[in-house]
Amino acid sequence: MRIEDVKTEQDVKEFLKDSPKFATAVYLVTYKMPYGKVCTYGRVAKLIGKPGASRAVANTLHNNPLFPVVPCWRVVKADGGFGGDPKAAAGRRGRVQSEGVRIRDGKVVMNSDVLY
């Protein structure tokens, strides 16, 4: 299956059929995140039943084989910041901002309207 053919949640599962269960769970939660919303790495970890695995979630999303189908740019640090390489962080910040998410001082303005 080619990434261009991935259109549904079932397609995501099929594309990732040989991936570790943890990674598949992370990508599925992230795939479901709506446009204009963000989630923290810690929240993704809780949603997949692995509280405390926020760092592993971040590492998994760093290797996202389904970009841009799985919108990894919508997952942010607990303080609303964008970690990692500054150039890549700026790109993720720009994508989130283009979706209507408010940014102040380089971080997402965290509130109930924007959180998934």
PDB file of N, CA and C in Angstrom:
ATOM      1  N   MET A   1       0.851  -1.182   0.000  1.00  0.00           N
ATOM      2  CA  MET A   1       0.000   0.000   0.000  1.00  0.00           C
ATOM      3  C   MET A   1       0.895   1.244   0.000  1.00  0.00           C
ATOM      4  N   ARG A   2       0.524   2.191  -0.823  1.00  0.00           N
ATOM      5  CA  ARG A   2       1.255   3.453  -0.905  1.00  0.00           C
ATOM      6  C   ARG A   2       0.596   4.481   0.010  1.00  0.00           C
ATOM      7  N   ILE A   3       1.376   5.419   0.504  1.00  0.00           N
ATOM      8  CA  ILE A   3       0.829   6.442   1.392  1.00  0.00           C
ATOM      9  C   ILE A   3      -0.303   7.224   0.714  1.00  0.00           C
ATOM     10  N   GLU A   4      -0.233   7.389  -0.583  1.00  0.00           N
ATOM     11  CA  GLU A   4      -1.277   8.109  -1.326  1.00  0.00           C
ATOM     12  C   GLU A   4      -2.625   7.391  -1.245  1.00  0.00           C
ATOM     13  N   ASP A   5      -2.599   6.091  -0.959  1.00  0.00           N
ATOM     14  CA  ASP A   5      -3.823   5.299  -0.897  1.00  0.00           C
ATOM     15  C   ASP A   5      -4.455   5.280   0.495  1.00  0.00           C
ATOM     16  N   VAL A   6      -3.796   5.865   1.471  1.00  0.00           N
ATOM     17  CA  VAL A   6      -4.290   5.853   2.849  1.00  0.00           C
ATOM     18  C   VAL A   6      -5.297   6.988   3.022  1.00  0.00           C
ATOM     19  N   LYS A   7      -6.571   6.601   3.179  1.00  0.00           N
ATOM     20  CA  LYS A   7      -7.660   7.591   3.268  1.00  0.00           C
ATOM     21  C   LYS A   7      -8.530   7.411   4.507  1.00  0.00           C
ATOM     22  N   THR A   8      -8.499   6.226   5.127  1.00  0.00           N
ATOM     23  CA  THR A   8      -9.396   5.929   6.240  1.00  0.00           C
ATOM     24  C   THR A   8      -8.599   5.340   7.408  1.00  0.00           C
ATOM     25  N   GLU A   9      -9.267   5.227   8.556  1.00  0.00           N
ATOM     26  CA  GLU A   9      -8.639   4.610   9.720  1.00  0.00           C
ATOM     27  C   GLU A   9      -8.231   3.169   9.395  1.00  0.00           C
ATOM     28  N   GLN A  10      -9.065   2.457   8.679  1.00  0.00           N
ATOM     29  CA  GLN A  10      -8.734   1.080   8.295  1.00  0.00           C
ATOM     30  C   GLN A  10      -7.494   1.047   7.400  1.00  0.00           C
ATOM     31  N   ASP A  11      -7.370   2.029   6.515  1.00  0.00           N
ATOM     32  CA  ASP A  11      -6.178   2.113   5.666  1.00  0.00           C
ATOM     33  C   ASP A  11      -4.922   2.340   6.509  1.00  0.00           C
ATOM     34  N   VAL A  12      -5.043   3.182   7.541  1.00  0.00           N
ATOM     35  CA  VAL A  12      -3.913   3.429   8.437  1.00  0.00           C
ATOM     36  C   VAL A  12      -3.497   2.112   9.090  1.00  0.00           C
ATOM     37  N   LYS A  13      -4.484   1.366   9.592  1.00  0.00           N
ATOM     38  CA  LYS A  13      -4.188   0.073  10.218  1.00  0.00           C
ATOM     39  C   LYS A  13      -3.498  -0.873   9.233  1.00  0.00           C
ATOM     40  N   GLU A  14      -3.996  -0.921   8.020  1.00  0.00           N
ATOM     41  CA  GLU A  14      -3.417  -1.794   6.998  1.00  0.00           C
ATOM     42  C   GLU A  14      -1.980  -1.379   6.670  1.00  0.00           C
ATOM     43  N   PHE A  15      -1.763  -0.079   6.526  1.00  0.00           N
ATOM     44  CA  PHE A  15      -0.429   0.431   6.210  1.00  0.00           C
ATOM     45  C   PHE A  15       0.562   0.072   7.311  1.00  0.00           C
ATOM     46  N   LEU A  16       0.077   0.084   8.558  1.00  0.00           N
ATOM     47  CA  LEU A  16       0.938  -0.136   9.723  1.00  0.00           C
ATOM     48  C   LEU A  16       0.907  -1.570  10.247  1.00  0.00           C
ATOM     49  N   LYS A  17       0.358  -2.488   9.487  1.00  0.00           N
ATOM     50  CA  LYS A  17       0.140  -3.866   9.976  1.00  0.00           C
ATOM     51  C   LYS A  17       1.399  -4.547  10.504  1.00  0.00           C
ATOM     52  N   ASP A  18       2.560  -4.162  10.026  1.00  0.00           N
ATOM     53  CA  ASP A  18       3.809  -4.767  10.480  1.00  0.00           C
ATOM     54  C   ASP A  18       4.549  -3.918  11.520  1.00  0.00           C
ATOM     55  N   SER A  19       3.917  -2.828  11.952  1.00  0.00           N
ATOM     56  CA  SER A  19       4.531  -1.932  12.942  1.00  0.00           C
ATOM     57  C   SER A  19       4.249  -2.423  14.356  1.00  0.00           C
ATOM     58  N   PRO A  20       5.069  -2.014  15.312  1.00  0.00           N
ATOM     59  CA  PRO A  20       4.790  -2.365  16.706  1.00  0.00           C
ATOM     60  C   PRO A  20       3.430  -1.824  17.158  1.00  0.00           C
ATOM     61  N   LYS A  21       2.786  -2.523  18.079  1.00  0.00           N
ATOM     62  CA  LYS A  21       1.460  -2.120  18.558  1.00  0.00           C
ATOM     63  C   LYS A  21       1.469  -0.719  19.145  1.00  0.00           C
ATOM     64  N   PHE A  22       2.512  -0.389  19.885  1.00  0.00           N
ATOM     65  CA  PHE A  22       2.611   0.941  20.485  1.00  0.00           C
ATOM     66  C   PHE A  22       2.570   2.017  19.404  1.00  0.00           C
ATOM     67  N   ALA A  23       3.401   1.876  18.388  1.00  0.00           N
ATOM     68  CA  ALA A  23       3.464   2.861  17.306  1.00  0.00           C
ATOM     69  C   ALA A  23       2.132   2.954  16.581  1.00  0.00           C
ATOM     70  N   THR A  24       1.527   1.826  16.302  1.00  0.00           N
ATOM     71  CA  THR A  24       0.227   1.828  15.624  1.00  0.00           C
ATOM     72  C   THR A  24      -0.805   2.579  16.451  1.00  0.00           C
ATOM     73  N   ALA A  25      -0.821   2.350  17.751  1.00  0.00           N
ATOM     74  CA  ALA A  25      -1.773   3.043  18.630  1.00  0.00           C
ATOM     75  C   ALA A  25      -1.532   4.552  18.611  1.00  0.00           C
ATOM     76  N   VAL A  26      -0.272   4.960  18.669  1.00  0.00           N
ATOM     77  CA  VAL A  26       0.065   6.394  18.631  1.00  0.00           C
ATOM     78  C   VAL A  26      -0.409   7.011  17.322  1.00  0.00           C
ATOM     79  N   TYR A  27      -0.115   6.355  16.209  1.00  0.00           N
ATOM     80  CA  TYR A  27      -0.490   6.909  14.908  1.00  0.00           C
ATOM     81  C   TYR A  27      -2.011   6.951  14.724  1.00  0.00           C
ATOM     82  N   LEU A  28      -2.723   5.974  15.253  1.00  0.00           N
ATOM     83  CA  LEU A  28      -4.186   5.978  15.125  1.00  0.00           C
ATOM     84  C   LEU A  28      -4.817   7.117  15.922  1.00  0.00           C
ATOM     85  N   VAL A  29      -4.360   7.333  17.142  1.00  0.00           N
ATOM     86  CA  VAL A  29      -4.884   8.453  17.941  1.00  0.00           C
ATOM     87  C   VAL A  29      -4.591   9.769  17.230  1.00  0.00           C
ATOM     88  N   THR A  30      -3.378   9.911  16.744  1.00  0.00           N
ATOM     89  CA  THR A  30      -2.984  11.149  16.072  1.00  0.00           C
ATOM     90  C   THR A  30      -3.756  11.331  14.766  1.00  0.00           C
ATOM     91  N   TYR A  31      -3.999  10.267  14.049  1.00  0.00           N
ATOM     92  CA  TYR A  31      -4.771  10.324  12.803  1.00  0.00           C
ATOM     93  C   TYR A  31      -6.165  10.909  13.045  1.00  0.00           C
ATOM     94  N   LYS A  32      -6.754  10.587  14.197  1.00  0.00           N
ATOM     95  CA  LYS A  32      -8.124  11.013  14.510  1.00  0.00           C
ATOM     96  C   LYS A  32      -8.226  12.459  14.994  1.00  0.00           C
ATOM     97  N   MET A  33      -7.107  13.097  15.242  1.00  0.00           N
ATOM     98  CA  MET A  33      -7.144  14.473  15.751  1.00  0.00           C
ATOM     99  C   MET A  33      -7.692  15.423  14.705  1.00  0.00           C
ATOM    100  N   PRO A  34      -8.709  16.186  15.079  1.00  0.00           N
ATOM    101  CA  PRO A  34      -9.311  17.087  14.099  1.00  0.00           C
ATOM    102  C   PRO A  34      -8.454  18.312  13.761  1.00  0.00           C
ATOM    103  N   TYR A  35      -8.699  18.821  12.604  1.00  0.00           N
ATOM    104  CA  TYR A  35      -8.093  20.063  12.122  1.00  0.00           C
ATOM    105  C   TYR A  35      -8.364  21.164  13.146  1.00  0.00           C
ATOM    106  N   GLY A  36      -7.341  21.942  13.461  1.00  0.00           N
ATOM    107  CA  GLY A  36      -7.516  23.064  14.377  1.00  0.00           C
ATOM    108  C   GLY A  36      -7.460  22.698  15.849  1.00  0.00           C
ATOM    109  N   LYS A  37      -7.093  21.461  16.152  1.00  0.00           N
ATOM    110  CA  LYS A  37      -6.965  21.012  17.542  1.00  0.00           C
ATOM    111  C   LYS A  37      -5.536  20.524  17.766  1.00  0.00           C
ATOM    112  N   VAL A  38      -5.114  20.517  19.023  1.00  0.00           N
ATOM    113  CA  VAL A  38      -3.820  19.954  19.379  1.00  0.00           C
ATOM    114  C   VAL A  38      -3.996  19.027  20.567  1.00  0.00           C
ATOM    115  N   CYS A  39      -2.990  18.216  20.791  1.00  0.00           N
ATOM    116  CA  CYS A  39      -2.976  17.281  21.912  1.00  0.00           C
ATOM    117  C   CYS A  39      -1.544  17.249  22.421  1.00  0.00           C
ATOM    118  N   THR A  40      -1.372  16.973  23.687  1.00  0.00           N
ATOM    119  CA  THR A  40      -0.017  16.861  24.225  1.00  0.00           C
ATOM    120  C   THR A  40       0.482  15.424  24.074  1.00  0.00           C
ATOM    121  N   TYR A  41       1.787  15.281  24.117  1.00  0.00           N
ATOM    122  CA  TYR A  41       2.379  13.940  24.067  1.00  0.00           C
ATOM    123  C   TYR A  41       1.857  13.097  25.224  1.00  0.00           C
ATOM    124  N   GLY A  42       1.734  13.719  26.404  1.00  0.00           N
ATOM    125  CA  GLY A  42       1.224  13.012  27.571  1.00  0.00           C
ATOM    126  C   GLY A  42      -0.206  12.554  27.409  1.00  0.00           C
ATOM    127  N   ARG A  43      -1.024  13.377  26.793  1.00  0.00           N
ATOM    128  CA  ARG A  43      -2.425  13.008  26.563  1.00  0.00           C
ATOM    129  C   ARG A  43      -2.518  11.846  25.575  1.00  0.00           C
ATOM    130  N   VAL A  44      -1.712  11.864  24.529  1.00  0.00           N
ATOM    131  CA  VAL A  44      -1.698  10.738  23.589  1.00  0.00           C
ATOM    132  C   VAL A  44      -1.312   9.466  24.341  1.00  0.00           C
ATOM    133  N   ALA A  45      -0.294   9.560  25.202  1.00  0.00           N
ATOM    134  CA  ALA A  45       0.135   8.399  25.979  1.00  0.00           C
ATOM    135  C   ALA A  45      -1.022   7.860  26.831  1.00  0.00           C
ATOM    136  N   LYS A  46      -1.765   8.741  27.470  1.00  0.00           N
ATOM    137  CA  LYS A  46      -2.911   8.310  28.283  1.00  0.00           C
ATOM    138  C   LYS A  46      -3.993   7.677  27.419  1.00  0.00           C
ATOM    139  N   LEU A  47      -4.253   8.267  26.270  1.00  0.00           N
ATOM    140  CA  LEU A  47      -5.293   7.754  25.381  1.00  0.00           C
ATOM    141  C   LEU A  47      -4.996   6.341  24.876  1.00  0.00           C
ATOM    142  N   ILE A  48      -3.725   5.997  24.781  1.00  0.00           N
ATOM    143  CA  ILE A  48      -3.381   4.647  24.314  1.00  0.00           C
ATOM    144  C   ILE A  48      -3.137   3.691  25.485  1.00  0.00           C
ATOM    145  N   GLY A  49      -3.420   4.175  26.695  1.00  0.00           N
ATOM    146  CA  GLY A  49      -3.279   3.311  27.869  1.00  0.00           C
ATOM    147  C   GLY A  49      -1.858   3.158  28.380  1.00  0.00           C
ATOM    148  N   LYS A  50      -1.006   4.115  28.044  1.00  0.00           N
ATOM    149  CA  LYS A  50       0.398   4.072  28.469  1.00  0.00           C
ATOM    150  C   LYS A  50       0.790   5.399  29.132  1.00  0.00           C
ATOM    151  N   PRO A  51       0.100   5.748  30.233  1.00  0.00           N
ATOM    152  CA  PRO A  51       0.453   7.017  30.891  1.00  0.00           C
ATOM    153  C   PRO A  51       1.926   6.993  31.302  1.00  0.00           C
ATOM    154  N   GLY A  52       2.566   8.106  31.151  1.00  0.00           N
ATOM    155  CA  GLY A  52       3.988   8.168  31.464  1.00  0.00           C
ATOM    156  C   GLY A  52       4.883   7.889  30.274  1.00  0.00           C
ATOM    157  N   ALA A  53       4.299   7.561  29.146  1.00  0.00           N
ATOM    158  CA  ALA A  53       5.099   7.235  27.955  1.00  0.00           C
ATOM    159  C   ALA A  53       5.158   8.399  26.973  1.00  0.00           C
ATOM    160  N   SER A  54       5.082   9.616  27.487  1.00  0.00           N
ATOM    161  CA  SER A  54       5.051  10.769  26.580  1.00  0.00           C
ATOM    162  C   SER A  54       6.322  10.885  25.741  1.00  0.00           C
ATOM    163  N   ARG A  55       7.454  10.553  26.317  1.00  0.00           N
ATOM    164  CA  ARG A  55       8.706  10.630  25.569  1.00  0.00           C
ATOM    165  C   ARG A  55       8.716   9.600  24.430  1.00  0.00           C
ATOM    166  N   ALA A  56       8.196   8.414  24.705  1.00  0.00           N
ATOM    167  CA  ALA A  56       8.109   7.376  23.671  1.00  0.00           C
ATOM    168  C   ALA A  56       7.138   7.800  22.566  1.00  0.00           C
ATOM    169  N   VAL A  57       6.062   8.487  22.945  1.00  0.00           N
ATOM    170  CA  VAL A  57       5.120   9.020  21.949  1.00  0.00           C
ATOM    171  C   VAL A  57       5.841  10.019  21.050  1.00  0.00           C
ATOM    172  N   ALA A  58       6.609  10.927  21.655  1.00  0.00           N
ATOM    173  CA  ALA A  58       7.345  11.926  20.876  1.00  0.00           C
ATOM    174  C   ALA A  58       8.319  11.255  19.908  1.00  0.00           C
ATOM    175  N   ASN A  59       9.042  10.262  20.396  1.00  0.00           N
ATOM    176  CA  ASN A  59       9.997   9.552  19.532  1.00  0.00           C
ATOM    177  C   ASN A  59       9.287   8.824  18.392  1.00  0.00           C
ATOM    178  N   THR A  60       8.149   8.247  18.690  1.00  0.00           N
ATOM    179  CA  THR A  60       7.375   7.547  17.665  1.00  0.00           C
ATOM    180  C   THR A  60       6.910   8.529  16.590  1.00  0.00           C
ATOM    181  N   LEU A  61       6.371   9.664  17.014  1.00  0.00           N
ATOM    182  CA  LEU A  61       5.878  10.646  16.047  1.00  0.00           C
ATOM    183  C   LEU A  61       7.017  11.267  15.241  1.00  0.00           C
ATOM    184  N   HIS A  62       8.191  11.294  15.799  1.00  0.00           N
ATOM    185  CA  HIS A  62       9.352  11.811  15.070  1.00  0.00           C
ATOM    186  C   HIS A  62       9.653  10.942  13.842  1.00  0.00           C
ATOM    187  N   ASN A  63       9.240   9.688  13.903  1.00  0.00           N
ATOM    188  CA  ASN A  63       9.484   8.747  12.805  1.00  0.00           C
ATOM    189  C   ASN A  63       8.216   8.427  12.021  1.00  0.00           C
ATOM    190  N   ASN A  64       7.273   9.333  11.993  1.00  0.00           N
ATOM    191  CA  ASN A  64       5.966   9.138  11.372  1.00  0.00           C
ATOM    192  C   ASN A  64       6.070   8.734   9.892  1.00  0.00           C
ATOM    193  N   PRO A  65       5.756   7.470   9.572  1.00  0.00           N
ATOM    194  CA  PRO A  65       5.838   7.018   8.178  1.00  0.00           C
ATOM    195  C   PRO A  65       4.631   7.456   7.356  1.00  0.00           C
ATOM    196  N   LEU A  66       3.638   8.041   8.019  1.00  0.00           N
ATOM    197  CA  LEU A  66       2.414   8.434   7.325  1.00  0.00           C
ATOM    198  C   LEU A  66       2.223   9.946   7.266  1.00  0.00           C
ATOM    199  N   PHE A  67       3.296  10.696   7.379  1.00  0.00           N
ATOM    200  CA  PHE A  67       3.211  12.145   7.214  1.00  0.00           C
ATOM    201  C   PHE A  67       2.875  12.435   5.756  1.00  0.00           C
ATOM    202  N   PRO A  68       1.943  13.266   5.438  1.00  0.00           N
ATOM    203  CA  PRO A  68       1.113  14.116   6.276  1.00  0.00           C
ATOM    204  C   PRO A  68      -0.266  13.530   6.606  1.00  0.00           C
ATOM    205  N   VAL A  69      -0.497  12.276   6.295  1.00  0.00           N
ATOM    206  CA  VAL A  69      -1.800  11.660   6.582  1.00  0.00           C
ATOM    207  C   VAL A  69      -2.062  11.637   8.082  1.00  0.00           C
ATOM    208  N   VAL A  70      -1.055  11.295   8.852  1.00  0.00           N
ATOM    209  CA  VAL A  70      -1.136  11.324  10.314  1.00  0.00           C
ATOM    210  C   VAL A  70      -0.538  12.674  10.744  1.00  0.00           C
ATOM    211  N   PRO A  71      -1.377  13.600  11.227  1.00  0.00           N
ATOM    212  CA  PRO A  71      -0.945  14.978  11.487  1.00  0.00           C
ATOM    213  C   PRO A  71      -0.128  15.140  12.771  1.00  0.00           C
ATOM    214  N   CYS A  72       1.095  14.651  12.751  1.00  0.00           N
ATOM    215  CA  CYS A  72       1.955  14.677  13.932  1.00  0.00           C
ATOM    216  C   CYS A  72       2.258  16.093  14.414  1.00  0.00           C
ATOM    217  N   TRP A  73       2.129  17.089  13.545  1.00  0.00           N
ATOM    218  CA  TRP A  73       2.391  18.469  13.934  1.00  0.00           C
ATOM    219  C   TRP A  73       1.376  18.978  14.963  1.00  0.00           C
ATOM    220  N   ARG A  74       0.261  18.270  15.134  1.00  0.00           N
ATOM    221  CA  ARG A  74      -0.764  18.676  16.091  1.00  0.00           C
ATOM    222  C   ARG A  74      -0.485  18.187  17.511  1.00  0.00           C
ATOM    223  N   VAL A  75       0.608  17.486  17.713  1.00  0.00           N
ATOM    224  CA  VAL A  75       0.960  17.002  19.048  1.00  0.00           C
ATOM    225  C   VAL A  75       2.095  17.881  19.574  1.00  0.00           C
ATOM    226  N   VAL A  76       1.869  18.448  20.757  1.00  0.00           N
ATOM    227  CA  VAL A  76       2.795  19.431  21.316  1.00  0.00           C
ATOM    228  C   VAL A  76       3.220  19.052  22.732  1.00  0.00           C
ATOM    229  N   LYS A  77       4.198  19.777  23.241  1.00  0.00           N
ATOM    230  CA  LYS A  77       4.642  19.576  24.616  1.00  0.00           C
ATOM    231  C   LYS A  77       3.550  20.058  25.580  1.00  0.00           C
ATOM    232  N   ALA A  78       3.653  19.659  26.826  1.00  0.00           N
ATOM    233  CA  ALA A  78       2.645  20.000  27.834  1.00  0.00           C
ATOM    234  C   ALA A  78       2.454  21.506  27.984  1.00  0.00           C
ATOM    235  N   ASP A  79       3.516  22.274  27.738  1.00  0.00           N
ATOM    236  CA  ASP A  79       3.410  23.724  27.868  1.00  0.00           C
ATOM    237  C   ASP A  79       2.985  24.412  26.566  1.00  0.00           C
ATOM    238  N   GLY A  80       2.644  23.612  25.557  1.00  0.00           N
ATOM    239  CA  GLY A  80       2.235  24.163  24.270  1.00  0.00           C
ATOM    240  C   GLY A  80       3.389  24.418  23.322  1.00  0.00           C
ATOM    241  N   GLY A  81       4.583  24.085  23.749  1.00  0.00           N
ATOM    242  CA  GLY A  81       5.758  24.315  22.929  1.00  0.00           C
ATOM    243  C   GLY A  81       5.968  23.231  21.879  1.00  0.00           C
ATOM    244  N   PHE A  82       6.887  23.524  20.984  1.00  0.00           N
ATOM    245  CA  PHE A  82       7.237  22.618  19.897  1.00  0.00           C
ATOM    246  C   PHE A  82       8.694  22.222  20.081  1.00  0.00           C
ATOM    247  N   GLY A  83       8.920  20.966  20.424  1.00  0.00           N
ATOM    248  CA  GLY A  83      10.273  20.503  20.697  1.00  0.00           C
ATOM    249  C   GLY A  83      11.017  20.099  19.448  1.00  0.00           C
ATOM    250  N   GLY A  84      12.228  19.637  19.676  1.00  0.00           N
ATOM    251  CA  GLY A  84      13.043  19.133  18.582  1.00  0.00           C
ATOM    252  C   GLY A  84      13.830  20.211  17.873  1.00  0.00           C
ATOM    253  N   ASP A  85      14.292  19.867  16.701  1.00  0.00           N
ATOM    254  CA  ASP A  85      15.082  20.759  15.865  1.00  0.00           C
ATOM    255  C   ASP A  85      14.326  22.075  15.639  1.00  0.00           C
ATOM    256  N   PRO A  86      14.980  23.227  15.839  1.00  0.00           N
ATOM    257  CA  PRO A  86      14.286  24.518  15.692  1.00  0.00           C
ATOM    258  C   PRO A  86      13.605  24.728  14.338  1.00  0.00           C
ATOM    259  N   LYS A  87      14.252  24.279  13.266  1.00  0.00           N
ATOM    260  CA  LYS A  87      13.650  24.452  11.937  1.00  0.00           C
ATOM    261  C   LYS A  87      12.382  23.600  11.811  1.00  0.00           C
ATOM    262  N   ALA A  88      12.450  22.346  12.267  1.00  0.00           N
ATOM    263  CA  ALA A  88      11.278  21.469  12.214  1.00  0.00           C
ATOM    264  C   ALA A  88      10.178  21.991  13.137  1.00  0.00           C
ATOM    265  N   ALA A  89      10.564  22.488  14.314  1.00  0.00           N
ATOM    266  CA  ALA A  89       9.584  23.036  15.259  1.00  0.00           C
ATOM    267  C   ALA A  89       8.870  24.236  14.641  1.00  0.00           C
ATOM    268  N   ALA A  90       9.606  25.069  13.936  1.00  0.00           N
ATOM    269  CA  ALA A  90       8.999  26.225  13.275  1.00  0.00           C
ATOM    270  C   ALA A  90       8.000  25.773  12.206  1.00  0.00           C
ATOM    271  N   GLY A  91       8.325  24.710  11.498  1.00  0.00           N
ATOM    272  CA  GLY A  91       7.411  24.175  10.492  1.00  0.00           C
ATOM    273  C   GLY A  91       6.125  23.656  11.112  1.00  0.00           C
ATOM    274  N   ARG A  92       6.244  22.927  12.224  1.00  0.00           N
ATOM    275  CA  ARG A  92       5.050  22.408  12.914  1.00  0.00           C
ATOM    276  C   ARG A  92       4.222  23.560  13.476  1.00  0.00           C
ATOM    277  N   ARG A  93       4.904  24.555  14.043  1.00  0.00           N
ATOM    278  CA  ARG A  93       4.211  25.725  14.579  1.00  0.00           C
ATOM    279  C   ARG A  93       3.426  26.423  13.473  1.00  0.00           C
ATOM    280  N   GLY A  94       4.038  26.581  12.323  1.00  0.00           N
ATOM    281  CA  GLY A  94       3.365  27.232  11.192  1.00  0.00           C
ATOM    282  C   GLY A  94       2.145  26.455  10.718  1.00  0.00           C
ATOM    283  N   ARG A  95       2.246  25.137  10.683  1.00  0.00           N
ATOM    284  CA  ARG A  95       1.106  24.300  10.266  1.00  0.00           C
ATOM    285  C   ARG A  95      -0.060  24.448  11.235  1.00  0.00           C
ATOM    286  N   VAL A  96       0.258  24.372  12.533  1.00  0.00           N
ATOM    287  CA  VAL A  96      -0.790  24.490  13.556  1.00  0.00           C
ATOM    288  C   VAL A  96      -1.435  25.876  13.471  1.00  0.00           C
ATOM    289  N   GLN A  97      -0.614  26.884  13.317  1.00  0.00           N
ATOM    290  CA  GLN A  97      -1.137  28.255  13.221  1.00  0.00           C
ATOM    291  C   GLN A  97      -2.007  28.416  11.978  1.00  0.00           C
ATOM    292  N   SER A  98      -1.629  27.788  10.878  1.00  0.00           N
ATOM    293  CA  SER A  98      -2.428  27.885   9.654  1.00  0.00           C
ATOM    294  C   SER A  98      -3.792  27.211   9.800  1.00  0.00           C
ATOM    295  N   GLU A  99      -3.915  26.332  10.816  1.00  0.00           N
ATOM    296  CA  GLU A  99      -5.188  25.676  11.092  1.00  0.00           C
ATOM    297  C   GLU A  99      -6.053  26.489  12.059  1.00  0.00           C
ATOM    298  N   GLY A 100      -5.561  27.673  12.426  1.00  0.00           N
ATOM    299  CA  GLY A 100      -6.357  28.553  13.285  1.00  0.00           C
ATOM    300  C   GLY A 100      -6.042  28.458  14.763  1.00  0.00           C
ATOM    301  N   VAL A 101      -5.022  27.705  15.122  1.00  0.00           N
ATOM    302  CA  VAL A 101      -4.626  27.575  16.525  1.00  0.00           C
ATOM    303  C   VAL A 101      -3.796  28.811  16.896  1.00  0.00           C
ATOM    304  N   ARG A 102      -4.167  29.442  18.022  1.00  0.00           N
ATOM    305  CA  ARG A 102      -3.464  30.650  18.459  1.00  0.00           C
ATOM    306  C   ARG A 102      -2.091  30.298  19.037  1.00  0.00           C
ATOM    307  N   ILE A 103      -1.109  31.094  18.630  1.00  0.00           N
ATOM    308  CA  ILE A 103       0.259  30.941  19.094  1.00  0.00           C
ATOM    309  C   ILE A 103       0.669  32.249  19.760  1.00  0.00           C
ATOM    310  N   ARG A 104       1.300  32.127  20.939  1.00  0.00           N
ATOM    311  CA  ARG A 104       1.836  33.313  21.608  1.00  0.00           C
ATOM    312  C   ARG A 104       3.215  32.937  22.162  1.00  0.00           C
ATOM    313  N   ASP A 105       4.187  33.769  21.884  1.00  0.00           N
ATOM    314  CA  ASP A 105       5.564  33.522  22.318  1.00  0.00           C
ATOM    315  C   ASP A 105       6.065  32.146  21.868  1.00  0.00           C
ATOM    316  N   GLY A 106       5.674  31.739  20.677  1.00  0.00           N
ATOM    317  CA  GLY A 106       6.151  30.494  20.090  1.00  0.00           C
ATOM    318  C   GLY A 106       5.473  29.231  20.574  1.00  0.00           C
ATOM    319  N   LYS A 107       4.425  29.393  21.399  1.00  0.00           N
ATOM    320  CA  LYS A 107       3.727  28.229  21.951  1.00  0.00           C
ATOM    321  C   LYS A 107       2.230  28.327  21.682  1.00  0.00           C
ATOM    322  N   VAL A 108       1.578  27.163  21.661  1.00  0.00           N
ATOM    323  CA  VAL A 108       0.124  27.117  21.522  1.00  0.00           C
ATOM    324  C   VAL A 108      -0.497  27.731  22.771  1.00  0.00           C
ATOM    325  N   VAL A 109      -1.498  28.557  22.570  1.00  0.00           N
ATOM    326  CA  VAL A 109      -2.274  29.075  23.689  1.00  0.00           C
ATOM    327  C   VAL A 109      -3.222  27.953  24.088  1.00  0.00           C
ATOM    328  N   MET A 110      -2.883  27.278  25.172  1.00  0.00           N
ATOM    329  CA  MET A 110      -3.607  26.077  25.589  1.00  0.00           C
ATOM    330  C   MET A 110      -4.919  26.459  26.287  1.00  0.00           C
ATOM    331  N   ASN A 111      -6.029  25.981  25.720  1.00  0.00           N
ATOM    332  CA  ASN A 111      -7.339  26.156  26.337  1.00  0.00           C
ATOM    333  C   ASN A 111      -8.258  25.059  25.836  1.00  0.00           C
ATOM    334  N   SER A 112      -9.429  24.970  26.428  1.00  0.00           N
ATOM    335  CA  SER A 112     -10.358  23.871  26.081  1.00  0.00           C
ATOM    336  C   SER A 112     -10.813  23.922  24.624  1.00  0.00           C
ATOM    337  N   ASP A 113     -10.797  25.094  24.023  1.00  0.00           N
ATOM    338  CA  ASP A 113     -11.223  25.211  22.624  1.00  0.00           C
ATOM    339  C   ASP A 113     -10.276  24.518  21.665  1.00  0.00           C
ATOM    340  N   VAL A 114      -9.016  24.443  22.019  1.00  0.00           N
ATOM    341  CA  VAL A 114      -7.999  23.924  21.098  1.00  0.00           C
ATOM    342  C   VAL A 114      -7.558  22.510  21.445  1.00  0.00           C
ATOM    343  N   LEU A 115      -7.796  22.069  22.672  1.00  0.00           N
ATOM    344  CA  LEU A 115      -7.320  20.745  23.089  1.00  0.00           C
ATOM    345  C   LEU A 115      -8.222  19.620  22.630  1.00  0.00           C
ATOM    346  N   TYR A 116      -7.601  18.570  22.174  1.00  0.00           N
ATOM    347  CA  TYR A 116      -8.295  17.358  21.735  1.00  0.00           C
ATOM    348  C   TYR A 116      -8.320  16.382  22.873  1.00  0.00           C
TER     349      TYR A 116
END
